[in-house]
N, C-alpha and C. Protein backbone atom coordinates (compact mmCIF):
# COMPACT_ATOMS: atom_id res chain seq x y z
N MET A 1 28.12 -2.37 -22.22
CA MET A 1 28.24 -1.31 -21.24
C MET A 1 26.86 -0.97 -20.66
N THR A 2 26.76 -0.95 -19.35
CA THR A 2 25.49 -0.66 -18.68
C THR A 2 25.16 0.82 -18.76
N SER A 3 23.91 1.15 -19.10
CA SER A 3 23.48 2.54 -19.18
C SER A 3 23.51 3.17 -17.80
N LYS A 4 23.68 4.49 -17.77
CA LYS A 4 23.69 5.22 -16.51
C LYS A 4 22.36 5.06 -15.79
N LEU A 5 22.44 4.86 -14.49
CA LEU A 5 21.25 4.70 -13.67
C LEU A 5 20.79 6.05 -13.17
N ILE A 6 19.51 6.35 -13.34
CA ILE A 6 18.93 7.61 -12.90
C ILE A 6 17.83 7.32 -11.88
N ILE A 7 17.87 8.03 -10.75
CA ILE A 7 16.83 7.90 -9.73
C ILE A 7 15.98 9.17 -9.75
N GLN A 8 14.67 9.01 -9.86
CA GLN A 8 13.78 10.16 -9.88
C GLN A 8 12.45 9.78 -9.23
N GLU A 9 11.63 10.79 -8.99
CA GLU A 9 10.31 10.51 -8.43
C GLU A 9 9.38 10.02 -9.54
N LEU A 10 8.41 9.22 -9.14
CA LEU A 10 7.48 8.64 -10.10
C LEU A 10 6.74 9.72 -10.87
N ALA A 11 6.72 9.57 -12.19
CA ALA A 11 5.94 10.44 -13.07
C ALA A 11 4.75 9.62 -13.59
N THR A 12 3.64 10.28 -13.83
CA THR A 12 2.42 9.58 -14.25
C THR A 12 2.62 8.63 -15.43
N PRO A 13 3.39 9.00 -16.47
CA PRO A 13 3.56 8.07 -17.59
C PRO A 13 4.23 6.75 -17.22
N ASP A 14 4.93 6.72 -16.07
CA ASP A 14 5.64 5.50 -15.65
C ASP A 14 4.84 4.62 -14.70
N LYS A 15 3.62 5.02 -14.34
CA LYS A 15 2.86 4.28 -13.33
C LYS A 15 2.62 2.83 -13.73
N ALA A 16 2.23 2.59 -14.96
CA ALA A 16 1.94 1.23 -15.41
C ALA A 16 3.20 0.37 -15.36
N ALA A 17 4.32 0.93 -15.78
CA ALA A 17 5.58 0.19 -15.77
C ALA A 17 6.01 -0.13 -14.35
N VAL A 18 5.82 0.80 -13.42
CA VAL A 18 6.18 0.57 -12.02
C VAL A 18 5.27 -0.49 -11.41
N ARG A 19 4.00 -0.44 -11.72
CA ARG A 19 3.07 -1.43 -11.20
C ARG A 19 3.48 -2.84 -11.66
N GLN A 20 3.81 -2.97 -12.94
CA GLN A 20 4.22 -4.27 -13.47
C GLN A 20 5.55 -4.71 -12.87
N LEU A 21 6.46 -3.75 -12.67
CA LEU A 21 7.75 -4.09 -12.06
C LEU A 21 7.55 -4.66 -10.66
N LEU A 22 6.66 -4.07 -9.88
CA LEU A 22 6.40 -4.57 -8.54
C LEU A 22 5.89 -6.02 -8.59
N LEU A 23 4.99 -6.30 -9.51
CA LEU A 23 4.46 -7.66 -9.63
C LEU A 23 5.55 -8.63 -10.08
N ASP A 24 6.37 -8.22 -11.05
CA ASP A 24 7.46 -9.07 -11.51
C ASP A 24 8.51 -9.29 -10.43
N GLY A 25 8.79 -8.22 -9.67
CA GLY A 25 9.83 -8.29 -8.66
C GLY A 25 9.47 -9.17 -7.48
N TYR A 26 8.18 -9.21 -7.12
CA TYR A 26 7.76 -9.98 -5.95
C TYR A 26 7.24 -11.37 -6.29
N LYS A 27 7.13 -11.69 -7.57
CA LYS A 27 6.63 -13.01 -7.98
C LYS A 27 7.54 -14.13 -7.47
N GLN A 28 8.81 -13.84 -7.26
CA GLN A 28 9.76 -14.85 -6.80
C GLN A 28 9.37 -15.45 -5.44
N TYR A 29 8.53 -14.75 -4.69
CA TYR A 29 8.17 -15.22 -3.35
C TYR A 29 6.88 -16.05 -3.33
N GLU A 30 6.27 -16.28 -4.48
CA GLU A 30 4.98 -16.97 -4.51
C GLU A 30 5.04 -18.35 -3.85
N ASN A 31 6.10 -19.10 -4.15
CA ASN A 31 6.19 -20.45 -3.61
C ASN A 31 6.46 -20.48 -2.11
N GLU A 32 6.79 -19.34 -1.53
CA GLU A 32 7.03 -19.27 -0.09
C GLU A 32 5.71 -19.18 0.69
N PHE A 33 4.62 -18.92 -0.02
CA PHE A 33 3.30 -18.78 0.61
C PHE A 33 2.57 -20.13 0.53
N THR A 34 2.35 -20.75 1.66
CA THR A 34 1.56 -21.98 1.67
C THR A 34 0.07 -21.67 1.64
N ASP A 35 -0.29 -20.48 2.10
CA ASP A 35 -1.68 -20.03 2.08
C ASP A 35 -1.90 -19.23 0.80
N LYS A 36 -2.58 -19.83 -0.16
CA LYS A 36 -2.77 -19.19 -1.47
C LYS A 36 -3.66 -17.95 -1.38
N GLU A 37 -4.58 -17.94 -0.43
CA GLU A 37 -5.41 -16.75 -0.24
C GLU A 37 -4.56 -15.59 0.24
N ALA A 38 -3.61 -15.90 1.13
CA ALA A 38 -2.70 -14.86 1.62
C ALA A 38 -1.84 -14.32 0.48
N TRP A 39 -1.40 -15.21 -0.42
CA TRP A 39 -0.60 -14.77 -1.58
C TRP A 39 -1.44 -13.88 -2.49
N HIS A 40 -2.68 -14.26 -2.73
CA HIS A 40 -3.56 -13.44 -3.57
C HIS A 40 -3.74 -12.06 -2.98
N ASP A 41 -3.98 -11.99 -1.68
CA ASP A 41 -4.16 -10.69 -1.02
C ASP A 41 -2.87 -9.87 -1.10
N TYR A 42 -1.73 -10.54 -0.94
CA TYR A 42 -0.43 -9.87 -1.01
C TYR A 42 -0.23 -9.24 -2.38
N VAL A 43 -0.53 -9.99 -3.43
CA VAL A 43 -0.39 -9.49 -4.80
C VAL A 43 -1.32 -8.32 -5.06
N GLU A 44 -2.55 -8.44 -4.59
CA GLU A 44 -3.52 -7.36 -4.79
C GLU A 44 -3.06 -6.08 -4.08
N ASN A 45 -2.52 -6.23 -2.89
CA ASN A 45 -2.02 -5.06 -2.17
C ASN A 45 -0.85 -4.41 -2.91
N ILE A 46 0.02 -5.24 -3.45
CA ILE A 46 1.16 -4.72 -4.23
C ILE A 46 0.66 -4.00 -5.47
N LYS A 47 -0.29 -4.62 -6.15
CA LYS A 47 -0.81 -4.07 -7.41
C LYS A 47 -1.38 -2.67 -7.22
N HIS A 48 -2.06 -2.46 -6.10
CA HIS A 48 -2.74 -1.18 -5.88
C HIS A 48 -1.91 -0.22 -5.00
N SER A 49 -0.72 -0.63 -4.62
CA SER A 49 0.06 0.16 -3.67
C SER A 49 0.44 1.55 -4.18
N ILE A 50 0.71 1.66 -5.47
CA ILE A 50 1.17 2.96 -5.96
C ILE A 50 0.05 4.00 -6.00
N ASP A 51 -1.18 3.57 -5.76
CA ASP A 51 -2.30 4.51 -5.70
C ASP A 51 -2.61 4.94 -4.27
N ASN A 52 -1.80 4.47 -3.33
CA ASN A 52 -2.01 4.78 -1.92
C ASN A 52 -1.78 6.27 -1.66
N PRO A 53 -2.80 7.01 -1.22
CA PRO A 53 -2.63 8.45 -1.00
C PRO A 53 -1.72 8.79 0.18
N ASN A 54 -1.39 7.79 1.00
CA ASN A 54 -0.53 8.04 2.16
C ASN A 54 0.96 8.03 1.82
N ILE A 55 1.31 7.62 0.62
CA ILE A 55 2.72 7.60 0.22
C ILE A 55 3.24 9.03 0.16
N ASP A 56 4.44 9.24 0.72
CA ASP A 56 5.06 10.56 0.62
C ASP A 56 5.68 10.74 -0.75
N ARG A 57 6.38 9.72 -1.23
CA ARG A 57 6.92 9.74 -2.58
C ARG A 57 7.30 8.34 -3.02
N ILE A 58 7.31 8.13 -4.33
CA ILE A 58 7.75 6.87 -4.93
C ILE A 58 9.00 7.17 -5.75
N LEU A 59 10.08 6.47 -5.45
CA LEU A 59 11.31 6.62 -6.22
C LEU A 59 11.37 5.57 -7.32
N VAL A 60 11.89 5.98 -8.46
CA VAL A 60 11.98 5.09 -9.62
C VAL A 60 13.41 5.12 -10.14
N ALA A 61 13.97 3.94 -10.39
CA ALA A 61 15.29 3.82 -11.00
C ALA A 61 15.11 3.49 -12.47
N LYS A 62 15.80 4.24 -13.35
CA LYS A 62 15.66 4.02 -14.79
C LYS A 62 17.04 3.90 -15.44
N GLN A 63 17.10 3.00 -16.41
CA GLN A 63 18.27 2.86 -17.27
C GLN A 63 17.80 2.96 -18.71
N ALA A 64 18.36 3.91 -19.43
CA ALA A 64 17.97 4.11 -20.84
C ALA A 64 16.44 4.21 -20.96
N GLU A 65 15.84 4.98 -20.05
CA GLU A 65 14.40 5.24 -20.02
C GLU A 65 13.56 4.02 -19.62
N LYS A 66 14.19 2.91 -19.28
CA LYS A 66 13.45 1.73 -18.83
C LYS A 66 13.42 1.69 -17.31
N VAL A 67 12.24 1.45 -16.75
CA VAL A 67 12.10 1.35 -15.31
C VAL A 67 12.69 0.02 -14.84
N VAL A 68 13.69 0.10 -13.96
CA VAL A 68 14.37 -1.12 -13.49
C VAL A 68 14.27 -1.31 -11.98
N GLY A 69 13.75 -0.32 -11.27
CA GLY A 69 13.63 -0.45 -9.81
C GLY A 69 12.71 0.60 -9.24
N THR A 70 12.22 0.35 -8.03
CA THR A 70 11.33 1.31 -7.38
C THR A 70 11.28 1.03 -5.88
N LEU A 71 10.86 2.00 -5.13
CA LEU A 71 10.51 1.84 -3.71
C LEU A 71 9.57 2.97 -3.31
N GLN A 72 8.92 2.77 -2.17
CA GLN A 72 7.97 3.76 -1.66
C GLN A 72 8.43 4.29 -0.32
N LEU A 73 8.23 5.58 -0.08
CA LEU A 73 8.62 6.23 1.16
C LEU A 73 7.40 6.80 1.88
N PHE A 74 7.32 6.53 3.17
CA PHE A 74 6.25 7.03 4.02
C PHE A 74 6.86 7.82 5.17
N LYS A 75 6.08 8.73 5.74
CA LYS A 75 6.62 9.61 6.77
C LYS A 75 6.68 8.97 8.16
N ASN A 76 5.84 7.97 8.40
CA ASN A 76 5.81 7.32 9.72
C ASN A 76 5.04 6.01 9.64
N ALA A 77 5.02 5.26 10.76
CA ALA A 77 4.38 3.95 10.78
C ALA A 77 2.87 4.03 10.67
N ASP A 78 2.28 5.11 11.13
CA ASP A 78 0.83 5.27 11.06
C ASP A 78 0.37 5.28 9.61
N VAL A 79 1.00 6.09 8.78
CA VAL A 79 0.58 6.17 7.38
C VAL A 79 1.12 5.00 6.56
N ALA A 80 2.24 4.42 6.98
CA ALA A 80 2.82 3.30 6.23
C ALA A 80 2.03 2.01 6.44
N TYR A 81 1.65 1.74 7.68
CA TYR A 81 1.02 0.47 8.02
C TYR A 81 -0.31 0.61 8.75
N GLY A 82 -0.68 1.83 9.14
CA GLY A 82 -1.84 1.99 10.00
C GLY A 82 -1.55 1.43 11.38
N ARG A 83 -0.29 1.54 11.81
CA ARG A 83 0.15 1.00 13.11
C ARG A 83 0.85 2.09 13.93
N PRO A 84 0.08 3.02 14.47
CA PRO A 84 0.71 4.07 15.29
C PRO A 84 1.39 3.51 16.53
N GLU A 85 0.97 2.30 16.96
CA GLU A 85 1.56 1.72 18.16
C GLU A 85 3.04 1.37 17.98
N LEU A 86 3.52 1.30 16.72
CA LEU A 86 4.94 1.04 16.50
C LEU A 86 5.80 2.23 16.94
N ASP A 87 5.17 3.39 17.04
CA ASP A 87 5.87 4.59 17.52
C ASP A 87 7.08 4.92 16.66
N ILE A 88 6.91 4.81 15.34
CA ILE A 88 7.95 5.20 14.39
C ILE A 88 7.54 6.52 13.76
N HIS A 89 8.30 7.55 14.01
CA HIS A 89 7.98 8.89 13.50
C HIS A 89 9.06 9.37 12.54
N SER A 90 9.77 8.44 11.95
CA SER A 90 10.80 8.71 10.95
C SER A 90 10.39 8.05 9.64
N PRO A 91 11.01 8.44 8.52
CA PRO A 91 10.63 7.86 7.23
C PRO A 91 10.79 6.33 7.20
N ILE A 92 9.92 5.70 6.43
CA ILE A 92 9.90 4.25 6.28
C ILE A 92 9.90 3.89 4.80
N VAL A 93 10.75 2.92 4.44
CA VAL A 93 10.80 2.38 3.08
C VAL A 93 9.87 1.18 2.99
N ARG A 94 9.10 1.13 1.93
CA ARG A 94 8.27 -0.05 1.65
C ARG A 94 8.40 -0.45 0.18
N LEU A 95 8.17 -1.73 -0.07
CA LEU A 95 8.07 -2.27 -1.42
C LEU A 95 9.23 -1.87 -2.34
N LEU A 96 10.43 -2.20 -1.89
CA LEU A 96 11.61 -2.08 -2.74
C LEU A 96 11.60 -3.23 -3.73
N ALA A 97 11.70 -2.93 -5.02
CA ALA A 97 11.69 -3.97 -6.04
C ALA A 97 12.67 -3.61 -7.16
N VAL A 98 13.33 -4.64 -7.67
CA VAL A 98 14.25 -4.48 -8.80
C VAL A 98 13.85 -5.48 -9.87
N HIS A 99 13.85 -5.05 -11.12
CA HIS A 99 13.50 -5.94 -12.21
C HIS A 99 14.46 -7.13 -12.23
N PRO A 100 13.95 -8.34 -12.43
CA PRO A 100 14.82 -9.52 -12.43
C PRO A 100 16.04 -9.40 -13.34
N GLU A 101 15.89 -8.74 -14.48
CA GLU A 101 17.00 -8.62 -15.43
C GLU A 101 18.03 -7.57 -15.00
N ALA A 102 17.69 -6.75 -14.00
CA ALA A 102 18.60 -5.68 -13.57
C ALA A 102 19.25 -5.97 -12.22
N ARG A 103 19.02 -7.15 -11.67
CA ARG A 103 19.59 -7.46 -10.36
C ARG A 103 21.10 -7.64 -10.45
N GLY A 104 21.76 -7.28 -9.36
CA GLY A 104 23.22 -7.38 -9.32
C GLY A 104 23.94 -6.19 -9.94
N GLN A 105 23.20 -5.13 -10.28
CA GLN A 105 23.79 -3.96 -10.92
C GLN A 105 23.77 -2.73 -10.01
N GLY A 106 23.46 -2.92 -8.73
CA GLY A 106 23.48 -1.80 -7.80
C GLY A 106 22.23 -0.96 -7.77
N VAL A 107 21.14 -1.45 -8.36
CA VAL A 107 19.90 -0.68 -8.42
C VAL A 107 19.31 -0.49 -7.02
N ALA A 108 19.21 -1.57 -6.26
CA ALA A 108 18.65 -1.47 -4.91
C ALA A 108 19.50 -0.56 -4.03
N GLN A 109 20.82 -0.67 -4.16
CA GLN A 109 21.71 0.19 -3.37
C GLN A 109 21.47 1.66 -3.69
N ALA A 110 21.31 1.97 -4.98
CA ALA A 110 21.10 3.36 -5.39
C ALA A 110 19.77 3.89 -4.85
N LEU A 111 18.75 3.08 -4.87
CA LEU A 111 17.45 3.50 -4.35
C LEU A 111 17.49 3.72 -2.85
N LEU A 112 18.19 2.84 -2.13
CA LEU A 112 18.31 2.99 -0.68
C LEU A 112 19.16 4.19 -0.32
N ARG A 113 20.21 4.43 -1.09
CA ARG A 113 21.05 5.61 -0.83
C ARG A 113 20.22 6.89 -0.98
N GLU A 114 19.42 6.94 -2.03
CA GLU A 114 18.57 8.12 -2.25
C GLU A 114 17.55 8.27 -1.12
N SER A 115 17.06 7.15 -0.61
CA SER A 115 16.11 7.18 0.50
C SER A 115 16.76 7.70 1.78
N LEU A 116 17.99 7.28 2.01
CA LEU A 116 18.73 7.76 3.19
C LEU A 116 19.00 9.25 3.10
N LEU A 117 19.35 9.72 1.91
CA LEU A 117 19.57 11.15 1.72
C LEU A 117 18.26 11.93 1.93
N TYR A 118 17.16 11.35 1.45
CA TYR A 118 15.84 11.96 1.66
C TYR A 118 15.56 12.10 3.16
N ALA A 119 15.76 11.02 3.91
CA ALA A 119 15.52 11.06 5.36
C ALA A 119 16.44 12.07 6.04
N TYR A 120 17.68 12.12 5.62
CA TYR A 120 18.64 13.06 6.18
C TYR A 120 18.19 14.50 5.94
N HIS A 121 17.73 14.79 4.74
CA HIS A 121 17.27 16.14 4.41
C HIS A 121 15.98 16.50 5.14
N GLN A 122 15.23 15.49 5.56
CA GLN A 122 14.03 15.73 6.36
C GLN A 122 14.38 16.03 7.81
N GLY A 123 15.66 15.90 8.16
CA GLY A 123 16.09 16.11 9.53
C GLY A 123 15.84 14.90 10.42
N ALA A 124 15.59 13.74 9.80
CA ALA A 124 15.32 12.53 10.57
C ALA A 124 16.62 11.92 11.10
N ALA A 125 16.51 11.28 12.24
CA ALA A 125 17.67 10.58 12.82
C ALA A 125 17.76 9.15 12.32
N HIS A 126 16.65 8.63 11.76
CA HIS A 126 16.62 7.24 11.34
C HIS A 126 15.85 7.06 10.03
N LEU A 127 16.14 5.95 9.36
CA LEU A 127 15.31 5.47 8.26
C LEU A 127 14.99 4.01 8.59
N TYR A 128 13.71 3.65 8.47
CA TYR A 128 13.27 2.31 8.82
C TYR A 128 12.80 1.54 7.59
N LEU A 129 12.83 0.22 7.69
CA LEU A 129 12.19 -0.65 6.73
C LEU A 129 11.86 -1.96 7.44
N HIS A 130 10.92 -2.70 6.88
CA HIS A 130 10.51 -3.98 7.45
C HIS A 130 10.63 -5.06 6.39
N SER A 131 10.95 -6.26 6.83
CA SER A 131 11.12 -7.37 5.90
C SER A 131 10.83 -8.68 6.62
N GLY A 132 10.77 -9.76 5.85
CA GLY A 132 10.51 -11.08 6.43
C GLY A 132 11.60 -12.06 6.05
N ASP A 133 11.58 -13.21 6.69
CA ASP A 133 12.63 -14.21 6.49
C ASP A 133 12.70 -14.73 5.06
N ILE A 134 11.61 -14.64 4.30
CA ILE A 134 11.65 -15.14 2.93
C ILE A 134 12.53 -14.25 2.04
N MET A 135 12.83 -13.05 2.51
CA MET A 135 13.62 -12.10 1.72
C MET A 135 15.07 -12.06 2.24
N LYS A 136 15.71 -13.22 2.24
CA LYS A 136 17.03 -13.35 2.84
C LYS A 136 18.08 -12.47 2.15
N LYS A 137 18.09 -12.46 0.81
CA LYS A 137 19.09 -11.67 0.09
C LYS A 137 18.89 -10.18 0.34
N ALA A 138 17.65 -9.75 0.41
CA ALA A 138 17.38 -8.34 0.69
C ALA A 138 17.88 -7.96 2.07
N ILE A 139 17.64 -8.83 3.05
CA ILE A 139 18.08 -8.55 4.41
C ILE A 139 19.60 -8.49 4.48
N GLN A 140 20.28 -9.35 3.75
CA GLN A 140 21.75 -9.31 3.69
C GLN A 140 22.23 -7.96 3.16
N LEU A 141 21.53 -7.44 2.15
CA LEU A 141 21.89 -6.13 1.60
C LEU A 141 21.67 -5.03 2.63
N TYR A 142 20.53 -5.05 3.32
CA TYR A 142 20.25 -4.02 4.32
C TYR A 142 21.33 -4.00 5.39
N GLU A 143 21.71 -5.17 5.86
CA GLU A 143 22.72 -5.24 6.92
C GLU A 143 24.09 -4.83 6.41
N TRP A 144 24.40 -5.14 5.17
CA TRP A 144 25.67 -4.71 4.58
C TRP A 144 25.74 -3.18 4.50
N ILE A 145 24.63 -2.56 4.15
CA ILE A 145 24.59 -1.10 4.05
C ILE A 145 24.75 -0.45 5.42
N GLY A 146 24.23 -1.10 6.46
CA GLY A 146 24.36 -0.53 7.80
C GLY A 146 23.06 -0.50 8.60
N PHE A 147 22.00 -1.10 8.06
CA PHE A 147 20.75 -1.20 8.82
C PHE A 147 20.94 -2.22 9.95
N LYS A 148 20.30 -1.96 11.10
CA LYS A 148 20.38 -2.85 12.26
C LYS A 148 18.98 -3.25 12.69
N ARG A 149 18.87 -4.45 13.22
CA ARG A 149 17.58 -4.91 13.73
C ARG A 149 17.09 -4.01 14.85
N ASP A 150 15.79 -3.75 14.84
CA ASP A 150 15.13 -3.02 15.92
C ASP A 150 13.92 -3.85 16.32
N VAL A 151 14.13 -4.79 17.22
CA VAL A 151 13.08 -5.75 17.56
C VAL A 151 11.87 -5.09 18.22
N ALA A 152 12.08 -3.91 18.80
CA ALA A 152 10.97 -3.21 19.47
C ALA A 152 9.94 -2.69 18.47
N LYS A 153 10.30 -2.64 17.18
CA LYS A 153 9.40 -2.09 16.16
C LYS A 153 8.89 -3.18 15.21
N GLU A 154 8.90 -4.42 15.66
CA GLU A 154 8.46 -5.52 14.82
C GLU A 154 7.00 -5.89 15.12
N PHE A 155 6.38 -6.63 14.19
CA PHE A 155 4.99 -7.02 14.38
C PHE A 155 4.69 -8.29 13.60
N PHE A 156 3.51 -8.82 13.78
CA PHE A 156 3.06 -9.99 13.03
C PHE A 156 1.94 -9.59 12.08
N ASN A 157 2.05 -10.06 10.84
CA ASN A 157 1.01 -9.88 9.84
C ASN A 157 0.47 -11.28 9.54
N ARG A 158 -0.74 -11.57 10.03
CA ARG A 158 -1.24 -12.94 10.07
C ARG A 158 -0.24 -13.75 10.90
N ASP A 159 0.37 -14.78 10.30
CA ASP A 159 1.34 -15.57 11.07
C ASP A 159 2.77 -15.27 10.67
N VAL A 160 2.98 -14.17 9.94
CA VAL A 160 4.32 -13.81 9.46
C VAL A 160 4.97 -12.81 10.41
N HIS A 161 6.17 -13.14 10.85
CA HIS A 161 6.94 -12.24 11.69
C HIS A 161 7.60 -11.19 10.81
N VAL A 162 7.18 -9.95 10.95
CA VAL A 162 7.72 -8.85 10.14
C VAL A 162 8.84 -8.18 10.94
N LYS A 163 10.07 -8.34 10.46
CA LYS A 163 11.23 -7.83 11.17
C LYS A 163 11.49 -6.36 10.79
N CYS A 164 12.03 -5.62 11.72
CA CYS A 164 12.32 -4.20 11.51
C CYS A 164 13.82 -3.98 11.43
N PHE A 165 14.22 -3.09 10.52
CA PHE A 165 15.62 -2.70 10.37
C PHE A 165 15.70 -1.18 10.36
N ARG A 166 16.69 -0.66 11.07
CA ARG A 166 16.81 0.79 11.24
C ARG A 166 18.22 1.24 10.88
N TYR A 167 18.29 2.30 10.09
CA TYR A 167 19.58 2.92 9.79
C TYR A 167 19.68 4.19 10.63
N ASP A 168 20.73 4.28 11.43
CA ASP A 168 20.94 5.44 12.29
C ASP A 168 21.73 6.51 11.53
N LEU A 169 21.05 7.56 11.13
CA LEU A 169 21.71 8.61 10.36
C LEU A 169 22.68 9.43 11.20
N THR A 170 22.55 9.36 12.52
CA THR A 170 23.51 10.05 13.39
C THR A 170 24.78 9.23 13.58
N GLU A 171 24.74 7.97 13.10
CA GLU A 171 25.92 7.11 13.18
C GLU A 171 26.24 6.55 11.80
N ARG A 172 26.01 7.35 10.76
CA ARG A 172 26.16 6.88 9.39
C ARG A 172 27.59 6.40 9.10
N ASN A 173 27.69 5.50 8.13
CA ASN A 173 29.00 4.95 7.78
C ASN A 173 29.53 5.57 6.49
N ASP A 174 30.69 5.11 6.07
CA ASP A 174 31.34 5.68 4.89
C ASP A 174 30.52 5.50 3.62
N TRP A 175 29.63 4.51 3.62
CA TRP A 175 28.84 4.22 2.43
C TRP A 175 27.98 5.43 2.05
N LEU A 176 27.53 6.19 3.04
CA LEU A 176 26.66 7.35 2.78
C LEU A 176 27.39 8.68 2.95
N GLU A 177 28.47 8.68 3.71
CA GLU A 177 29.14 9.93 4.08
C GLU A 177 29.54 10.78 2.89
N SER A 178 30.07 10.16 1.83
CA SER A 178 30.54 10.93 0.68
C SER A 178 29.39 11.65 -0.02
N ASP A 179 28.22 11.01 -0.05
CA ASP A 179 27.05 11.65 -0.68
C ASP A 179 26.60 12.86 0.11
N ILE A 180 26.58 12.75 1.43
CA ILE A 180 26.16 13.86 2.28
C ILE A 180 27.15 15.01 2.16
N ALA A 181 28.42 14.68 2.14
CA ALA A 181 29.44 15.73 2.03
C ALA A 181 29.34 16.45 0.70
N ARG A 182 29.06 15.71 -0.36
CA ARG A 182 28.96 16.32 -1.69
C ARG A 182 27.75 17.24 -1.79
N GLU A 183 26.66 16.88 -1.12
CA GLU A 183 25.43 17.67 -1.20
C GLU A 183 25.36 18.79 -0.17
N ALA A 184 26.27 18.79 0.79
CA ALA A 184 26.20 19.73 1.90
C ALA A 184 26.00 21.19 1.48
N PRO A 185 26.71 21.71 0.47
CA PRO A 185 26.52 23.12 0.12
C PRO A 185 25.12 23.45 -0.40
N HIS A 186 24.37 22.41 -0.80
CA HIS A 186 23.06 22.65 -1.41
C HIS A 186 21.91 22.42 -0.45
N ARG A 187 22.21 22.06 0.77
CA ARG A 187 21.15 21.76 1.72
C ARG A 187 20.51 23.03 2.27
N ASN A 188 19.23 22.95 2.54
CA ASN A 188 18.50 24.10 3.07
C ASN A 188 18.40 24.07 4.59
N THR A 189 18.70 22.91 5.18
CA THR A 189 18.60 22.77 6.62
C THR A 189 19.89 22.18 7.16
N PRO A 190 20.22 22.50 8.42
CA PRO A 190 21.44 21.94 8.99
C PRO A 190 21.27 20.47 9.28
N PRO A 191 22.38 19.71 9.37
CA PRO A 191 22.28 18.29 9.69
C PRO A 191 21.73 18.10 11.09
N PRO A 192 21.08 16.98 11.35
CA PRO A 192 20.53 16.75 12.68
C PRO A 192 21.63 16.69 13.72
N ALA A 193 21.33 17.20 14.90
CA ALA A 193 22.32 17.17 15.98
C ALA A 193 22.53 15.74 16.45
N PRO A 194 23.74 15.40 16.89
CA PRO A 194 23.98 14.05 17.40
C PRO A 194 23.04 13.74 18.55
N VAL A 195 22.58 12.52 18.55
CA VAL A 195 21.66 12.07 19.59
C VAL A 195 22.40 11.12 20.51
N SER A 196 22.42 11.42 21.79
CA SER A 196 23.10 10.54 22.74
C SER A 196 22.13 9.52 23.28
N GLY A 197 22.67 8.41 23.70
CA GLY A 197 21.85 7.39 24.34
C GLY A 197 21.09 6.51 23.38
N ILE A 198 21.42 6.54 22.07
CA ILE A 198 20.74 5.65 21.13
C ILE A 198 21.29 4.24 21.35
N VAL A 199 20.40 3.30 21.52
CA VAL A 199 20.80 1.91 21.67
C VAL A 199 20.48 1.18 20.38
N PRO A 200 21.48 0.73 19.61
CA PRO A 200 21.22 0.05 18.35
C PRO A 200 20.35 -1.18 18.58
N GLY A 201 19.42 -1.40 17.64
CA GLY A 201 18.59 -2.59 17.72
C GLY A 201 19.40 -3.82 17.36
N GLY A 202 18.97 -4.99 17.75
CA GLY A 202 19.69 -6.20 17.40
C GLY A 202 19.06 -7.39 18.06
N ILE A 203 19.62 -8.55 17.77
CA ILE A 203 19.14 -9.79 18.38
C ILE A 203 20.32 -10.55 18.92
């Protein structure tokens, strides 16, 4: 029987475990990098990411006190990437990782659901994330949840095309609706007003 999954904000005693989880979670992509220097830089950035003062919060998924997943939330593209030109002023998810032994148990879904609720409570109309073609399974999950491509918010990192995905909280689907309805009596702010004229991103 699988232990109950708990999502909480990062606590100092869990920092080392989260750092190692990030390294373990992203190691699967090493062979996708033909440029070994680029891979080294990528790993170093991941290793030091949880010390980034620009992070708004780090979410941690735990089962039986073991860290099995994590992701980072930023308030906008400027603090997330140092790219104000992307013109993203809504929360952004970065570095979603699940421990290899915990995959297929809904950990990533739970972390993304909590992120969407966070964005909703912030009064945001959207939640964004970026990914690349090497992360095919992750992209399939994002699209299944309801994220849509937003090509206007994409960029290149060296020679890598970084794709953008956006979840429209004003057009949320049943996957999130029950959580919002359940939390409604406890919210301190009203839900965001419907926005007209939103054109979903896509290719």
